[in-house]
Amino acid sequence: MNNFMLSFAGADLSRLRTLVTAVGKEIALAPGATAANSSTPRSALDTSWSSLVEMLDLGKEPVARECPTCKHPCAIGASRCGHCWTSLPPLKARETAAV
């Protein structure tokens, strides 16, 4: 097996998480799918998909907020947008407590 490294960041990583979730849902809905609480996979596809998701190890989507100028996602604690460098307004106490 070839060892190679994939690197995704920011919006690309977020899109990859979305795609992995969507494909996983489609596989679960496919004919012959096992119940969610079943411990035995229905096929090699289930096993292969689980292995791929485990290998990607994408983690959870980080908490982010949207830049008011360019609408790109920014880290929740950022003071400037990483895309357009607009100064971001400070977080409200309620938003800070949610993190």
N, C-alpha and C. Protein backbone atom coordinates (compact mmCIF):
# COMPACT_ATOMS: atom_id res chain seq x y z
N MET A 1 0.85 -1.18 0.00
CA MET A 1 0.00 0.00 0.00
C MET A 1 0.89 1.23 0.00
N ASN A 2 0.54 2.22 -0.82
CA ASN A 2 1.29 3.46 -0.87
C ASN A 2 0.96 4.32 0.35
N ASN A 3 1.96 4.93 0.90
CA ASN A 3 1.74 5.89 1.97
C ASN A 3 1.81 7.28 1.37
N PHE A 4 0.73 8.01 1.46
CA PHE A 4 0.72 9.37 0.96
C PHE A 4 -0.05 10.23 1.94
N MET A 5 0.23 11.50 1.90
CA MET A 5 -0.37 12.42 2.85
C MET A 5 -1.27 13.39 2.11
N LEU A 6 -2.51 13.48 2.52
CA LEU A 6 -3.42 14.48 1.99
C LEU A 6 -3.53 15.59 3.00
N SER A 7 -3.62 16.80 2.52
CA SER A 7 -3.73 17.93 3.42
C SER A 7 -4.89 18.81 2.98
N PHE A 8 -5.82 19.01 3.87
CA PHE A 8 -6.96 19.87 3.61
C PHE A 8 -7.04 20.89 4.74
N ALA A 9 -7.45 22.09 4.42
CA ALA A 9 -7.57 23.12 5.44
C ALA A 9 -8.79 23.97 5.15
N GLY A 10 -9.25 24.63 6.18
CA GLY A 10 -10.32 25.61 6.06
C GLY A 10 -11.56 25.11 5.35
N ALA A 11 -11.95 25.83 4.31
CA ALA A 11 -13.19 25.53 3.59
C ALA A 11 -13.12 24.17 2.90
N ASP A 12 -11.93 23.78 2.40
CA ASP A 12 -11.80 22.48 1.76
C ASP A 12 -12.06 21.35 2.75
N LEU A 13 -11.56 21.48 3.96
CA LEU A 13 -11.78 20.47 4.99
C LEU A 13 -13.26 20.42 5.37
N SER A 14 -13.88 21.56 5.45
CA SER A 14 -15.31 21.61 5.75
C SER A 14 -16.13 20.94 4.65
N ARG A 15 -15.78 21.20 3.39
CA ARG A 15 -16.48 20.55 2.27
C ARG A 15 -16.25 19.04 2.28
N LEU A 16 -15.04 18.62 2.62
CA LEU A 16 -14.75 17.19 2.69
C LEU A 16 -15.60 16.52 3.77
N ARG A 17 -15.72 17.15 4.94
CA ARG A 17 -16.58 16.61 6.00
C ARG A 17 -18.02 16.47 5.51
N THR A 18 -18.51 17.50 4.80
CA THR A 18 -19.88 17.48 4.28
C THR A 18 -20.07 16.34 3.28
N LEU A 19 -19.10 16.16 2.39
CA LEU A 19 -19.18 15.08 1.40
C LEU A 19 -19.13 13.70 2.05
N VAL A 20 -18.25 13.52 3.01
CA VAL A 20 -18.14 12.23 3.71
C VAL A 20 -19.46 11.91 4.40
N THR A 21 -20.06 12.90 5.04
CA THR A 21 -21.35 12.70 5.71
C THR A 21 -22.43 12.33 4.69
N ALA A 22 -22.47 13.03 3.56
CA ALA A 22 -23.48 12.76 2.54
C ALA A 22 -23.32 11.36 1.96
N VAL A 23 -22.10 10.96 1.63
CA VAL A 23 -21.88 9.62 1.07
C VAL A 23 -22.23 8.55 2.11
N GLY A 24 -21.88 8.78 3.35
CA GLY A 24 -22.23 7.83 4.41
C GLY A 24 -23.73 7.64 4.54
N LYS A 25 -24.48 8.74 4.41
CA LYS A 25 -25.95 8.66 4.47
C LYS A 25 -26.50 7.88 3.27
N GLU A 26 -25.95 8.12 2.09
CA GLU A 26 -26.39 7.40 0.90
C GLU A 26 -26.10 5.91 1.01
N ILE A 27 -24.94 5.56 1.54
CA ILE A 27 -24.61 4.15 1.74
C ILE A 27 -25.58 3.51 2.72
N ALA A 28 -25.92 4.25 3.78
CA ALA A 28 -26.85 3.71 4.78
C ALA A 28 -28.24 3.50 4.20
N LEU A 29 -28.63 4.30 3.21
CA LEU A 29 -29.95 4.20 2.60
C LEU A 29 -30.01 3.19 1.46
N ALA A 30 -28.86 2.71 1.02
CA ALA A 30 -28.80 1.78 -0.11
C ALA A 30 -29.52 0.47 0.22
N PRO A 31 -30.07 -0.20 -0.78
CA PRO A 31 -30.75 -1.47 -0.54
C PRO A 31 -29.83 -2.47 0.17
N GLY A 32 -30.38 -3.14 1.15
CA GLY A 32 -29.62 -4.13 1.90
C GLY A 32 -28.83 -3.56 3.05
N ALA A 33 -29.01 -2.26 3.34
CA ALA A 33 -28.27 -1.63 4.44
C ALA A 33 -28.68 -2.25 5.76
N THR A 34 -27.74 -2.31 6.68
CA THR A 34 -28.03 -2.85 8.00
C THR A 34 -28.61 -1.76 8.88
N ALA A 35 -29.28 -2.17 9.91
CA ALA A 35 -29.83 -1.21 10.87
C ALA A 35 -28.68 -0.49 11.56
N ALA A 36 -28.93 0.73 11.97
CA ALA A 36 -27.88 1.55 12.60
C ALA A 36 -27.32 0.88 13.86
N ASN A 37 -28.13 0.11 14.55
CA ASN A 37 -27.67 -0.51 15.79
C ASN A 37 -27.06 -1.90 15.57
N SER A 38 -26.99 -2.35 14.32
CA SER A 38 -26.40 -3.65 14.03
C SER A 38 -24.89 -3.56 14.06
N SER A 39 -24.25 -4.59 14.56
CA SER A 39 -22.79 -4.56 14.64
C SER A 39 -22.13 -5.27 13.47
N THR A 40 -22.91 -5.90 12.59
CA THR A 40 -22.30 -6.60 11.45
C THR A 40 -22.54 -5.81 10.17
N PRO A 41 -21.48 -5.47 9.44
CA PRO A 41 -21.66 -4.74 8.19
C PRO A 41 -22.32 -5.61 7.13
N ARG A 42 -23.09 -5.02 6.24
CA ARG A 42 -23.80 -5.80 5.23
C ARG A 42 -22.89 -6.23 4.11
N SER A 43 -21.78 -5.54 3.92
CA SER A 43 -20.96 -5.87 2.76
C SER A 43 -19.56 -5.31 2.90
N ALA A 44 -18.76 -5.62 1.91
CA ALA A 44 -17.40 -5.09 1.86
C ALA A 44 -17.44 -3.56 1.72
N LEU A 45 -18.49 -3.04 1.08
CA LEU A 45 -18.62 -1.59 0.94
C LEU A 45 -18.69 -0.91 2.30
N ASP A 46 -19.50 -1.44 3.20
CA ASP A 46 -19.60 -0.87 4.54
C ASP A 46 -18.26 -0.89 5.25
N THR A 47 -17.58 -2.02 5.15
CA THR A 47 -16.28 -2.16 5.80
C THR A 47 -15.26 -1.20 5.20
N SER A 48 -15.22 -1.12 3.87
CA SER A 48 -14.28 -0.22 3.21
C SER A 48 -14.57 1.24 3.54
N TRP A 49 -15.85 1.60 3.54
CA TRP A 49 -16.22 2.99 3.86
C TRP A 49 -15.81 3.32 5.29
N SER A 50 -16.07 2.43 6.22
CA SER A 50 -15.69 2.66 7.62
C SER A 50 -14.18 2.83 7.75
N SER A 51 -13.43 2.03 7.02
CA SER A 51 -11.97 2.14 7.05
C SER A 51 -11.50 3.48 6.49
N LEU A 52 -12.12 3.92 5.40
CA LEU A 52 -11.75 5.20 4.81
C LEU A 52 -12.05 6.36 5.76
N VAL A 53 -13.23 6.36 6.35
CA VAL A 53 -13.60 7.42 7.29
C VAL A 53 -12.64 7.43 8.48
N GLU A 54 -12.29 6.26 8.97
CA GLU A 54 -11.35 6.16 10.09
C GLU A 54 -9.98 6.69 9.67
N MET A 55 -9.54 6.37 8.47
CA MET A 55 -8.23 6.82 8.00
C MET A 55 -8.20 8.34 7.80
N LEU A 56 -9.29 8.91 7.30
CA LEU A 56 -9.35 10.35 7.09
C LEU A 56 -9.30 11.10 8.42
N ASP A 57 -9.91 10.53 9.46
CA ASP A 57 -9.90 11.12 10.80
C ASP A 57 -10.16 12.63 10.74
N LEU A 58 -11.31 13.00 10.18
CA LEU A 58 -11.63 14.41 9.97
C LEU A 58 -11.99 15.16 11.24
N GLY A 59 -12.41 14.46 12.26
CA GLY A 59 -12.82 15.15 13.48
C GLY A 59 -14.11 15.92 13.27
N LYS A 60 -14.50 16.65 14.28
CA LYS A 60 -15.73 17.43 14.21
C LYS A 60 -15.46 18.76 13.53
N GLU A 61 -16.52 19.31 12.97
CA GLU A 61 -16.43 20.63 12.35
C GLU A 61 -16.14 21.65 13.46
N PRO A 62 -15.10 22.47 13.28
CA PRO A 62 -14.79 23.45 14.32
C PRO A 62 -15.86 24.53 14.40
N VAL A 63 -15.98 25.12 15.55
CA VAL A 63 -16.92 26.21 15.73
C VAL A 63 -16.38 27.41 14.95
N ALA A 64 -17.22 28.00 14.12
CA ALA A 64 -16.78 29.12 13.29
C ALA A 64 -17.87 30.17 13.23
N ARG A 65 -17.47 31.33 12.74
CA ARG A 65 -18.44 32.39 12.47
C ARG A 65 -18.16 32.92 11.07
N GLU A 66 -19.12 33.60 10.51
CA GLU A 66 -19.02 34.08 9.15
C GLU A 66 -18.51 35.52 9.12
N CYS A 67 -17.60 35.80 8.19
CA CYS A 67 -17.10 37.17 8.00
C CYS A 67 -18.26 38.01 7.47
N PRO A 68 -18.52 39.16 8.09
CA PRO A 68 -19.63 40.00 7.61
C PRO A 68 -19.37 40.62 6.24
N THR A 69 -18.11 40.67 5.81
CA THR A 69 -17.77 41.28 4.52
C THR A 69 -17.78 40.28 3.37
N CYS A 70 -16.98 39.21 3.50
CA CYS A 70 -16.83 38.26 2.37
C CYS A 70 -17.62 36.96 2.57
N LYS A 71 -18.19 36.77 3.74
CA LYS A 71 -19.02 35.60 4.07
C LYS A 71 -18.25 34.29 4.19
N HIS A 72 -16.92 34.33 4.22
CA HIS A 72 -16.12 33.13 4.43
C HIS A 72 -16.15 32.75 5.91
N PRO A 73 -16.02 31.46 6.23
CA PRO A 73 -15.98 31.06 7.64
C PRO A 73 -14.65 31.48 8.28
N CYS A 74 -14.74 31.91 9.52
CA CYS A 74 -13.56 32.32 10.30
C CYS A 74 -13.57 31.56 11.62
N ALA A 75 -12.42 31.38 12.20
CA ALA A 75 -12.34 30.76 13.52
C ALA A 75 -13.14 31.61 14.50
N ILE A 76 -13.77 30.96 15.44
CA ILE A 76 -14.67 31.65 16.36
C ILE A 76 -13.96 32.77 17.12
N GLY A 77 -12.70 32.58 17.47
CA GLY A 77 -11.98 33.60 18.24
C GLY A 77 -11.14 34.54 17.40
N ALA A 78 -11.27 34.48 16.06
CA ALA A 78 -10.44 35.31 15.19
C ALA A 78 -10.79 36.79 15.34
N SER A 79 -9.78 37.64 15.19
CA SER A 79 -10.01 39.08 15.21
C SER A 79 -10.01 39.65 13.80
N ARG A 80 -9.49 38.87 12.83
CA ARG A 80 -9.49 39.25 11.41
C ARG A 80 -9.88 38.04 10.57
N CYS A 81 -10.54 38.33 9.46
CA CYS A 81 -10.90 37.27 8.51
C CYS A 81 -9.63 36.80 7.81
N GLY A 82 -9.42 35.50 7.74
CA GLY A 82 -8.26 34.95 7.07
C GLY A 82 -8.34 35.05 5.56
N HIS A 83 -9.50 35.40 5.03
CA HIS A 83 -9.67 35.50 3.58
C HIS A 83 -9.50 36.94 3.08
N CYS A 84 -10.23 37.87 3.70
CA CYS A 84 -10.20 39.26 3.21
C CYS A 84 -9.53 40.23 4.19
N TRP A 85 -9.13 39.74 5.33
CA TRP A 85 -8.44 40.51 6.38
C TRP A 85 -9.28 41.62 6.99
N THR A 86 -10.59 41.54 6.86
CA THR A 86 -11.46 42.49 7.52
C THR A 86 -11.38 42.28 9.02
N SER A 87 -11.35 43.36 9.77
CA SER A 87 -11.37 43.27 11.23
C SER A 87 -12.76 42.78 11.65
N LEU A 88 -12.79 41.72 12.45
CA LEU A 88 -14.06 41.14 12.88
C LEU A 88 -14.51 41.77 14.19
N PRO A 89 -15.81 41.96 14.35
CA PRO A 89 -16.29 42.52 15.61
C PRO A 89 -16.05 41.55 16.76
N PRO A 90 -15.83 42.07 17.97
CA PRO A 90 -15.62 41.17 19.11
C PRO A 90 -16.86 40.32 19.36
N LEU A 91 -16.63 39.14 19.93
CA LEU A 91 -17.74 38.25 20.24
C LEU A 91 -18.55 38.79 21.41
N LYS A 92 -19.83 38.54 21.36
CA LYS A 92 -20.70 38.89 22.48
C LYS A 92 -20.49 37.85 23.58
N ALA A 93 -20.80 38.18 24.80
CA ALA A 93 -20.61 37.28 25.94
C ALA A 93 -21.31 35.94 25.71
N ARG A 94 -22.49 35.98 25.10
CA ARG A 94 -23.26 34.76 24.84
C ARG A 94 -22.51 33.85 23.86
N GLU A 95 -21.89 34.42 22.82
CA GLU A 95 -21.15 33.65 21.84
C GLU A 95 -19.88 33.05 22.45
N THR A 96 -19.22 33.81 23.32
CA THR A 96 -18.01 33.33 23.98
C THR A 96 -18.33 32.16 24.91
N ALA A 97 -19.45 32.23 25.61
CA ALA A 97 -19.84 31.17 26.54
C ALA A 97 -20.17 29.88 25.80
N ALA A 98 -20.63 29.98 24.56
CA ALA A 98 -20.98 28.78 23.77
C ALA A 98 -19.75 28.00 23.36
N VAL A 99 -18.59 28.65 23.32
CA VAL A 99 -17.35 27.98 22.92
C VAL A 99 -16.80 27.29 24.08
